[in-house]
PDB file of all heavy atoms in Angstrom:
ATOM      1  N   TYR A   1      -9.486  26.991  43.691  1.00  0.00           N
ATOM      2  CA  TYR A   1      -9.576  25.500  43.637  1.00  0.00           C
ATOM      3  C   TYR A   1      -9.063  25.046  42.263  1.00  0.00           C
ATOM      4  O   TYR A   1      -8.373  23.905  42.202  1.00  0.00           O
ATOM      5  CB  TYR A   1     -11.060  25.195  43.841  1.00  0.00           C
ATOM      6  CG  TYR A   1     -11.580  25.368  45.164  1.00  0.00           C
ATOM      7  CD1 TYR A   1     -12.544  26.418  45.489  1.00  0.00           C
ATOM      8  CD2 TYR A   1     -11.069  24.616  46.273  1.00  0.00           C
ATOM      9  CE1 TYR A   1     -12.989  26.570  46.763  1.00  0.00           C
ATOM     10  CE2 TYR A   1     -11.622  24.807  47.573  1.00  0.00           C
ATOM     11  CZ  TYR A   1     -12.528  25.857  47.777  1.00  0.00           C
ATOM     12  OH  TYR A   1     -12.949  25.968  49.063  1.00  0.00           O
ATOM     13  N   PHE A   2      -9.305  25.728  41.173  1.00  0.00           N
ATOM     14  CA  PHE A   2      -8.950  25.283  39.883  1.00  0.00           C
ATOM     15  C   PHE A   2      -7.364  25.225  39.846  1.00  0.00           C
ATOM     16  O   PHE A   2      -6.811  24.274  39.327  1.00  0.00           O
ATOM     17  CB  PHE A   2      -9.423  26.162  38.754  1.00  0.00           C
ATOM     18  CG  PHE A   2      -9.078  25.783  37.420  1.00  0.00           C
ATOM     19  CD1 PHE A   2      -9.599  24.660  36.732  1.00  0.00           C
ATOM     20  CD2 PHE A   2      -8.093  26.474  36.833  1.00  0.00           C
ATOM     21  CE1 PHE A   2      -9.191  24.304  35.459  1.00  0.00           C
ATOM     22  CE2 PHE A   2      -7.583  26.140  35.460  1.00  0.00           C
ATOM     23  CZ  PHE A   2      -8.217  25.076  34.842  1.00  0.00           C
ATOM     24  N   TYR A   3      -6.722  26.335  40.214  1.00  0.00           N
ATOM     25  CA  TYR A   3      -5.295  26.393  40.178  1.00  0.00           C
ATOM     26  C   TYR A   3      -4.568  25.324  41.089  1.00  0.00           C
ATOM     27  O   TYR A   3      -3.481  24.850  40.785  1.00  0.00           O
ATOM     28  CB  TYR A   3      -4.819  27.756  40.395  1.00  0.00           C
ATOM     29  CG  TYR A   3      -5.070  28.759  39.318  1.00  0.00           C
ATOM     30  CD1 TYR A   3      -5.482  30.086  39.573  1.00  0.00           C
ATOM     31  CD2 TYR A   3      -5.000  28.393  37.946  1.00  0.00           C
ATOM     32  CE1 TYR A   3      -5.763  31.030  38.624  1.00  0.00           C
ATOM     33  CE2 TYR A   3      -5.304  29.323  36.963  1.00  0.00           C
ATOM     34  CZ  TYR A   3      -5.724  30.541  37.315  1.00  0.00           C
ATOM     35  OH  TYR A   3      -5.977  31.396  36.281  1.00  0.00           O
ATOM     36  N   ALA A   4      -5.285  25.118  42.155  1.00  0.00           N
ATOM     37  CA  ALA A   4      -4.825  24.023  43.144  1.00  0.00           C
ATOM     38  C   ALA A   4      -4.853  22.663  42.627  1.00  0.00           C
ATOM     39  O   ALA A   4      -3.991  21.785  42.982  1.00  0.00           O
ATOM     40  CB  ALA A   4      -5.487  24.110  44.433  1.00  0.00           C
ATOM     41  N   ALA A   5      -5.723  22.484  41.570  1.00  0.00           N
ATOM     42  CA  ALA A   5      -5.770  21.114  40.902  1.00  0.00           C
ATOM     43  C   ALA A   5      -5.074  20.887  39.619  1.00  0.00           C
ATOM     44  O   ALA A   5      -4.883  19.804  39.137  1.00  0.00           O
ATOM     45  CB  ALA A   5      -7.323  20.773  40.784  1.00  0.00           C
ATOM     46  N   ILE A   6      -4.679  22.051  39.054  1.00  0.00           N
ATOM     47  CA  ILE A   6      -4.253  21.989  37.615  1.00  0.00           C
ATOM     48  C   ILE A   6      -2.962  21.122  37.481  1.00  0.00           C
ATOM     49  O   ILE A   6      -2.801  20.411  36.492  1.00  0.00           O
ATOM     50  CB  ILE A   6      -3.994  23.417  37.044  1.00  0.00           C
ATOM     51  CG1 ILE A   6      -3.904  23.340  35.558  1.00  0.00           C
ATOM     52  CG2 ILE A   6      -2.825  24.117  37.688  1.00  0.00           C
ATOM     53  CD1 ILE A   6      -5.176  22.906  34.873  1.00  0.00           C
ATOM     54  N   ALA A   7      -2.028  21.213  38.387  1.00  0.00           N
ATOM     55  CA  ALA A   7      -0.723  20.483  38.288  1.00  0.00           C
ATOM     56  C   ALA A   7      -1.003  18.949  38.338  1.00  0.00           C
ATOM     57  O   ALA A   7      -0.532  18.297  37.495  1.00  0.00           O
ATOM     58  CB  ALA A   7       0.184  21.042  39.311  1.00  0.00           C
ATOM     59  N   PRO A   8      -1.625  18.518  39.393  1.00  0.00           N
ATOM     60  CA  PRO A   8      -1.795  17.023  39.363  1.00  0.00           C
ATOM     61  C   PRO A   8      -2.696  16.519  38.298  1.00  0.00           C
ATOM     62  O   PRO A   8      -2.532  15.435  37.742  1.00  0.00           O
ATOM     63  CB  PRO A   8      -2.506  16.756  40.753  1.00  0.00           C
ATOM     64  CG  PRO A   8      -2.978  18.119  41.253  1.00  0.00           C
ATOM     65  CD  PRO A   8      -2.014  19.164  40.644  1.00  0.00           C
ATOM     66  N   ALA A   9      -3.691  17.304  37.853  1.00  0.00           N
ATOM     67  CA  ALA A   9      -4.482  16.871  36.739  1.00  0.00           C
ATOM     68  C   ALA A   9      -3.772  16.806  35.493  1.00  0.00           C
ATOM     69  O   ALA A   9      -3.968  15.954  34.576  1.00  0.00           O
ATOM     70  CB  ALA A   9      -5.711  17.914  36.666  1.00  0.00           C
ATOM     71  N   PHE A  10      -2.912  17.865  35.212  1.00  0.00           N
ATOM     72  CA  PHE A  10      -2.040  17.805  34.033  1.00  0.00           C
ATOM     73  C   PHE A  10      -1.197  16.614  34.035  1.00  0.00           C
ATOM     74  O   PHE A  10      -0.977  15.951  32.932  1.00  0.00           O
ATOM     75  CB  PHE A  10      -1.248  19.110  33.969  1.00  0.00           C
ATOM     76  CG  PHE A  10      -0.302  19.313  32.849  1.00  0.00           C
ATOM     77  CD1 PHE A  10      -0.869  19.625  31.566  1.00  0.00           C
ATOM     78  CD2 PHE A  10       1.009  18.929  32.772  1.00  0.00           C
ATOM     79  CE1 PHE A  10      -0.102  19.768  30.445  1.00  0.00           C
ATOM     80  CE2 PHE A  10       1.827  19.046  31.690  1.00  0.00           C
ATOM     81  CZ  PHE A  10       1.284  19.483  30.506  1.00  0.00           C
ATOM     82  N   LEU A  11      -0.519  16.242  35.210  1.00  0.00           N
ATOM     83  CA  LEU A  11       0.303  15.073  35.252  1.00  0.00           C
ATOM     84  C   LEU A  11      -0.519  13.870  34.916  1.00  0.00           C
ATOM     85  O   LEU A  11      -0.005  12.996  34.083  1.00  0.00           O
ATOM     86  CB  LEU A  11       0.853  15.005  36.658  1.00  0.00           C
ATOM     87  CG  LEU A  11       1.674  13.707  36.978  1.00  0.00           C
ATOM     88  CD1 LEU A  11       2.918  13.613  36.162  1.00  0.00           C
ATOM     89  CD2 LEU A  11       2.045  13.633  38.457  1.00  0.00           C
ATOM     90  N   VAL A  12      -1.639  13.640  35.495  1.00  0.00           N
ATOM     91  CA  VAL A  12      -2.499  12.472  35.242  1.00  0.00           C
ATOM     92  C   VAL A  12      -2.925  12.391  33.810  1.00  0.00           C
ATOM     93  O   VAL A  12      -2.865  11.328  33.219  1.00  0.00           O
ATOM     94  CB  VAL A  12      -3.771  12.479  36.077  1.00  0.00           C
ATOM     95  CG1 VAL A  12      -4.748  11.296  35.730  1.00  0.00           C
ATOM     96  CG2 VAL A  12      -3.404  12.359  37.568  1.00  0.00           C
ATOM     97  N   LEU A  13      -3.233  13.484  33.197  1.00  0.00           N
ATOM     98  CA  LEU A  13      -3.635  13.545  31.810  1.00  0.00           C
ATOM     99  C   LEU A  13      -2.504  13.216  30.779  1.00  0.00           C
ATOM    100  O   LEU A  13      -2.642  12.300  29.962  1.00  0.00           O
ATOM    101  CB  LEU A  13      -4.209  15.003  31.424  1.00  0.00           C
ATOM    102  CG  LEU A  13      -4.560  15.190  30.032  1.00  0.00           C
ATOM    103  CD1 LEU A  13      -5.674  14.290  29.545  1.00  0.00           C
ATOM    104  CD2 LEU A  13      -4.995  16.632  29.802  1.00  0.00           C
ATOM    105  N   VAL A  14      -1.451  13.958  30.905  1.00  0.00           N
ATOM    106  CA  VAL A  14      -0.343  13.706  29.960  1.00  0.00           C
ATOM    107  C   VAL A  14       0.304  12.345  30.111  1.00  0.00           C
ATOM    108  O   VAL A  14       0.582  11.697  29.117  1.00  0.00           O
ATOM    109  CB  VAL A  14       0.762  14.871  30.190  1.00  0.00           C
ATOM    110  CG1 VAL A  14       1.957  14.582  29.294  1.00  0.00           C
ATOM    111  CG2 VAL A  14       0.184  16.206  29.869  1.00  0.00           C
ATOM    112  N   TRP A  15       0.470  11.954  31.421  1.00  0.00           N
ATOM    113  CA  TRP A  15       1.112  10.632  31.535  1.00  0.00           C
ATOM    114  C   TRP A  15       0.160   9.543  31.103  1.00  0.00           C
ATOM    115  O   TRP A  15       0.569   8.524  30.487  1.00  0.00           O
ATOM    116  CB  TRP A  15       1.418  10.425  33.034  1.00  0.00           C
ATOM    117  CG  TRP A  15       2.306   9.154  33.443  1.00  0.00           C
ATOM    118  CD1 TRP A  15       2.680   8.206  32.582  1.00  0.00           C
ATOM    119  CD2 TRP A  15       2.779   8.941  34.709  1.00  0.00           C
ATOM    120  NE1 TRP A  15       3.439   7.286  33.193  1.00  0.00           N
ATOM    121  CE2 TRP A  15       3.512   7.737  34.545  1.00  0.00           C
ATOM    122  CE3 TRP A  15       2.801   9.556  35.957  1.00  0.00           C
ATOM    123  CZ2 TRP A  15       4.164   7.118  35.646  1.00  0.00           C
ATOM    124  CZ3 TRP A  15       3.464   8.946  36.911  1.00  0.00           C
ATOM    125  CH2 TRP A  15       4.088   7.754  36.809  1.00  0.00           C
ATOM    126  N   GLY A  16      -1.153   9.749  31.301  1.00  0.00           N
ATOM    127  CA  GLY A  16      -2.186   8.843  30.834  1.00  0.00           C
ATOM    128  C   GLY A  16      -2.154   8.655  29.373  1.00  0.00           C
ATOM    129  O   GLY A  16      -2.393   7.544  28.844  1.00  0.00           O
ATOM    130  N   ILE A  17      -1.972   9.768  28.585  1.00  0.00           N
ATOM    131  CA  ILE A  17      -1.986   9.711  27.226  1.00  0.00           C
ATOM    132  C   ILE A  17      -0.829   8.776  26.744  1.00  0.00           C
ATOM    133  O   ILE A  17      -0.968   7.976  25.772  1.00  0.00           O
ATOM    134  CB  ILE A  17      -1.810  11.105  26.581  1.00  0.00           C
ATOM    135  CG1 ILE A  17      -3.064  11.924  26.840  1.00  0.00           C
ATOM    136  CG2 ILE A  17      -1.501  11.010  25.087  1.00  0.00           C
ATOM    137  CD1 ILE A  17      -3.041  13.370  26.375  1.00  0.00           C
ATOM    138  N   LEU A  18       0.322   8.959  27.354  1.00  0.00           N
ATOM    139  CA  LEU A  18       1.433   8.124  26.983  1.00  0.00           C
ATOM    140  C   LEU A  18       1.188   6.696  27.261  1.00  0.00           C
ATOM    141  O   LEU A  18       1.575   5.764  26.526  1.00  0.00           O
ATOM    142  CB  LEU A  18       2.784   8.599  27.766  1.00  0.00           C
ATOM    143  CG  LEU A  18       3.211  10.032  27.417  1.00  0.00           C
ATOM    144  CD1 LEU A  18       4.357  10.385  28.443  1.00  0.00           C
ATOM    145  CD2 LEU A  18       3.642  10.182  26.002  1.00  0.00           C
ATOM    146  N   GLN A  19       0.671   6.447  28.491  1.00  0.00           N
ATOM    147  CA  GLN A  19       0.380   5.034  28.866  1.00  0.00           C
ATOM    148  C   GLN A  19      -0.656   4.447  27.848  1.00  0.00           C
ATOM    149  O   GLN A  19      -0.566   3.181  27.568  1.00  0.00           O
ATOM    150  CB  GLN A  19      -0.203   4.946  30.242  1.00  0.00           C
ATOM    151  CG  GLN A  19       0.714   5.260  31.364  1.00  0.00           C
ATOM    152  CD  GLN A  19       1.838   4.239  31.544  1.00  0.00           C
ATOM    153  OE1 GLN A  19       2.978   4.492  31.890  1.00  0.00           O
ATOM    154  NE2 GLN A  19       1.570   2.978  31.321  1.00  0.00           N
ATOM    155  N   PHE A  20      -1.649   5.268  27.346  1.00  0.00           N
ATOM    156  CA  PHE A  20      -2.648   4.736  26.466  1.00  0.00           C
ATOM    157  C   PHE A  20      -2.097   4.417  25.090  1.00  0.00           C
ATOM    158  O   PHE A  20      -2.350   3.461  24.472  1.00  0.00           O
ATOM    159  CB  PHE A  20      -3.726   5.783  26.369  1.00  0.00           C
ATOM    160  CG  PHE A  20      -4.961   5.378  25.486  1.00  0.00           C
ATOM    161  CD1 PHE A  20      -5.874   4.626  26.076  1.00  0.00           C
ATOM    162  CD2 PHE A  20      -4.952   5.653  24.133  1.00  0.00           C
ATOM    163  CE1 PHE A  20      -6.977   4.200  25.315  1.00  0.00           C
ATOM    164  CE2 PHE A  20      -6.005   5.236  23.417  1.00  0.00           C
ATOM    165  CZ  PHE A  20      -7.038   4.516  24.029  1.00  0.00           C
ATOM    166  N   ILE A  21      -1.097   5.292  24.630  1.00  0.00           N
ATOM    167  CA  ILE A  21      -0.433   5.088  23.367  1.00  0.00           C
ATOM    168  C   ILE A  21       0.468   3.914  23.312  1.00  0.00           C
ATOM    169  O   ILE A  21       0.505   3.161  22.283  1.00  0.00           O
ATOM    170  CB  ILE A  21       0.292   6.398  22.922  1.00  0.00           C
ATOM    171  CG1 ILE A  21      -0.614   7.527  22.784  1.00  0.00           C
ATOM    172  CG2 ILE A  21       1.183   6.117  21.767  1.00  0.00           C
ATOM    173  CD1 ILE A  21       0.018   8.881  22.513  1.00  0.00           C
ATOM    174  N   ALA A  22       1.228   3.663  24.418  1.00  0.00           N
ATOM    175  CA  ALA A  22       2.266   2.635  24.421  1.00  0.00           C
ATOM    176  C   ALA A  22       2.063   1.690  25.654  1.00  0.00           C
ATOM    177  O   ALA A  22       2.894   1.697  26.548  1.00  0.00           O
ATOM    178  CB  ALA A  22       3.653   3.238  24.442  1.00  0.00           C
ATOM    179  N   PRO A  23       0.935   1.023  25.732  1.00  0.00           N
ATOM    180  CA  PRO A  23       0.683   0.187  26.901  1.00  0.00           C
ATOM    181  C   PRO A  23       1.662  -1.040  27.023  1.00  0.00           C
ATOM    182  O   PRO A  23       1.878  -1.515  28.156  1.00  0.00           O
ATOM    183  CB  PRO A  23      -0.715  -0.288  26.730  1.00  0.00           C
ATOM    184  CG  PRO A  23      -0.903  -0.367  25.239  1.00  0.00           C
ATOM    185  CD  PRO A  23      -0.149   0.874  24.798  1.00  0.00           C
ATOM    186  N   TYR A  24       2.223  -1.440  25.967  1.00  0.00           N
ATOM    187  CA  TYR A  24       3.137  -2.633  25.978  1.00  0.00           C
ATOM    188  C   TYR A  24       4.538  -2.163  26.476  1.00  0.00           C
ATOM    189  O   TYR A  24       5.062  -2.753  27.438  1.00  0.00           O
ATOM    190  CB  TYR A  24       3.315  -3.287  24.633  1.00  0.00           C
ATOM    191  CG  TYR A  24       2.022  -4.015  24.201  1.00  0.00           C
ATOM    192  CD1 TYR A  24       0.998  -3.423  23.561  1.00  0.00           C
ATOM    193  CD2 TYR A  24       1.884  -5.423  24.433  1.00  0.00           C
ATOM    194  CE1 TYR A  24      -0.158  -4.075  23.169  1.00  0.00           C
ATOM    195  CE2 TYR A  24       0.766  -6.116  24.126  1.00  0.00           C
ATOM    196  CZ  TYR A  24      -0.243  -5.429  23.484  1.00  0.00           C
ATOM    197  OH  TYR A  24      -1.404  -6.077  23.119  1.00  0.00           O
ATOM    198  N   ARG A  25       5.173  -1.183  25.874  1.00  0.00           N
ATOM    199  CA  ARG A  25       6.464  -0.691  26.176  1.00  0.00           C
ATOM    200  C   ARG A  25       6.422  -0.157  27.611  1.00  0.00           C
ATOM    201  O   ARG A  25       7.439  -0.233  28.372  1.00  0.00           O
ATOM    202  CB  ARG A  25       6.873   0.360  25.216  1.00  0.00           C
ATOM    203  CG  ARG A  25       8.407   0.748  25.370  1.00  0.00           C
ATOM    204  CD  ARG A  25       8.755   1.764  24.355  1.00  0.00           C
ATOM    205  NE  ARG A  25       8.603   1.354  23.043  1.00  0.00           N
ATOM    206  CZ  ARG A  25       9.602   0.718  22.360  1.00  0.00           C
ATOM    207  NH1 ARG A  25      10.750   0.540  22.952  1.00  0.00           N
ATOM    208  NH2 ARG A  25       9.449   0.277  21.126  1.00  0.00           N
ATOM    209  N   LEU A  26       5.336   0.564  27.999  1.00  0.00           N
ATOM    210  CA  LEU A  26       5.277   1.153  29.326  1.00  0.00           C
ATOM    211  C   LEU A  26       4.496   0.354  30.374  1.00  0.00           C
ATOM    212  O   LEU A  26       3.965   0.898  31.331  1.00  0.00           O
ATOM    213  CB  LEU A  26       4.616   2.538  29.238  1.00  0.00           C
ATOM    214  CG  LEU A  26       5.185   3.580  28.236  1.00  0.00           C
ATOM    215  CD1 LEU A  26       4.583   4.883  28.236  1.00  0.00           C
ATOM    216  CD2 LEU A  26       6.746   3.758  28.677  1.00  0.00           C
ATOM    217  N   GLU A  27       4.498  -0.950  30.139  1.00  0.00           N
ATOM    218  CA  GLU A  27       3.639  -1.829  30.982  1.00  0.00           C
ATOM    219  C   GLU A  27       4.171  -1.814  32.487  1.00  0.00           C
ATOM    220  O   GLU A  27       3.347  -1.769  33.358  1.00  0.00           O
ATOM    221  CB  GLU A  27       3.725  -3.336  30.563  1.00  0.00           C
ATOM    222  CG  GLU A  27       2.833  -4.236  31.250  1.00  0.00           C
ATOM    223  CD  GLU A  27       2.810  -5.662  30.643  1.00  0.00           C
ATOM    224  OE1 GLU A  27       3.727  -5.860  29.813  1.00  0.00           O
ATOM    225  OE2 GLU A  27       2.044  -6.463  31.132  1.00  0.00           O
ATOM    226  N   LYS A  28       5.522  -1.737  32.614  1.00  0.00           N
ATOM    227  CA  LYS A  28       6.006  -1.614  33.973  1.00  0.00           C
ATOM    228  C   LYS A  28       5.608  -0.423  34.791  1.00  0.00           C
ATOM    229  O   LYS A  28       5.356  -0.391  35.961  1.00  0.00           O
ATOM    230  CB  LYS A  28       7.556  -1.752  34.050  1.00  0.00           C
ATOM    231  CG  LYS A  28       8.174  -1.841  35.376  1.00  0.00           C
ATOM    232  CD  LYS A  28       9.703  -1.919  35.350  1.00  0.00           C
ATOM    233  CE  LYS A  28      10.306  -1.889  36.677  1.00  0.00           C
ATOM    234  NZ  LYS A  28      11.768  -1.989  36.595  1.00  0.00           N
ATOM    235  N   LEU A  29       5.523   0.721  33.957  1.00  0.00           N
ATOM    236  CA  LEU A  29       5.120   1.934  34.581  1.00  0.00           C
ATOM    237  C   LEU A  29       3.637   2.101  34.884  1.00  0.00           C
ATOM    238  O   LEU A  29       3.265   3.052  35.519  1.00  0.00           O
ATOM    239  CB  LEU A  29       5.608   3.117  33.688  1.00  0.00           C
ATOM    240  CG  LEU A  29       7.055   3.489  33.597  1.00  0.00           C
ATOM    241  CD1 LEU A  29       7.317   4.622  32.614  1.00  0.00           C
ATOM    242  CD2 LEU A  29       7.607   3.844  35.006  1.00  0.00           C
TER     243      LEU A  29
END
């Protein structure tokens, strides 16, 4: 179960960090 979730969880986490750091520049995304 953990390995089945790791890829989408990693995507949500890393992309979320970028959106949190640059919410103005990445507003469209």
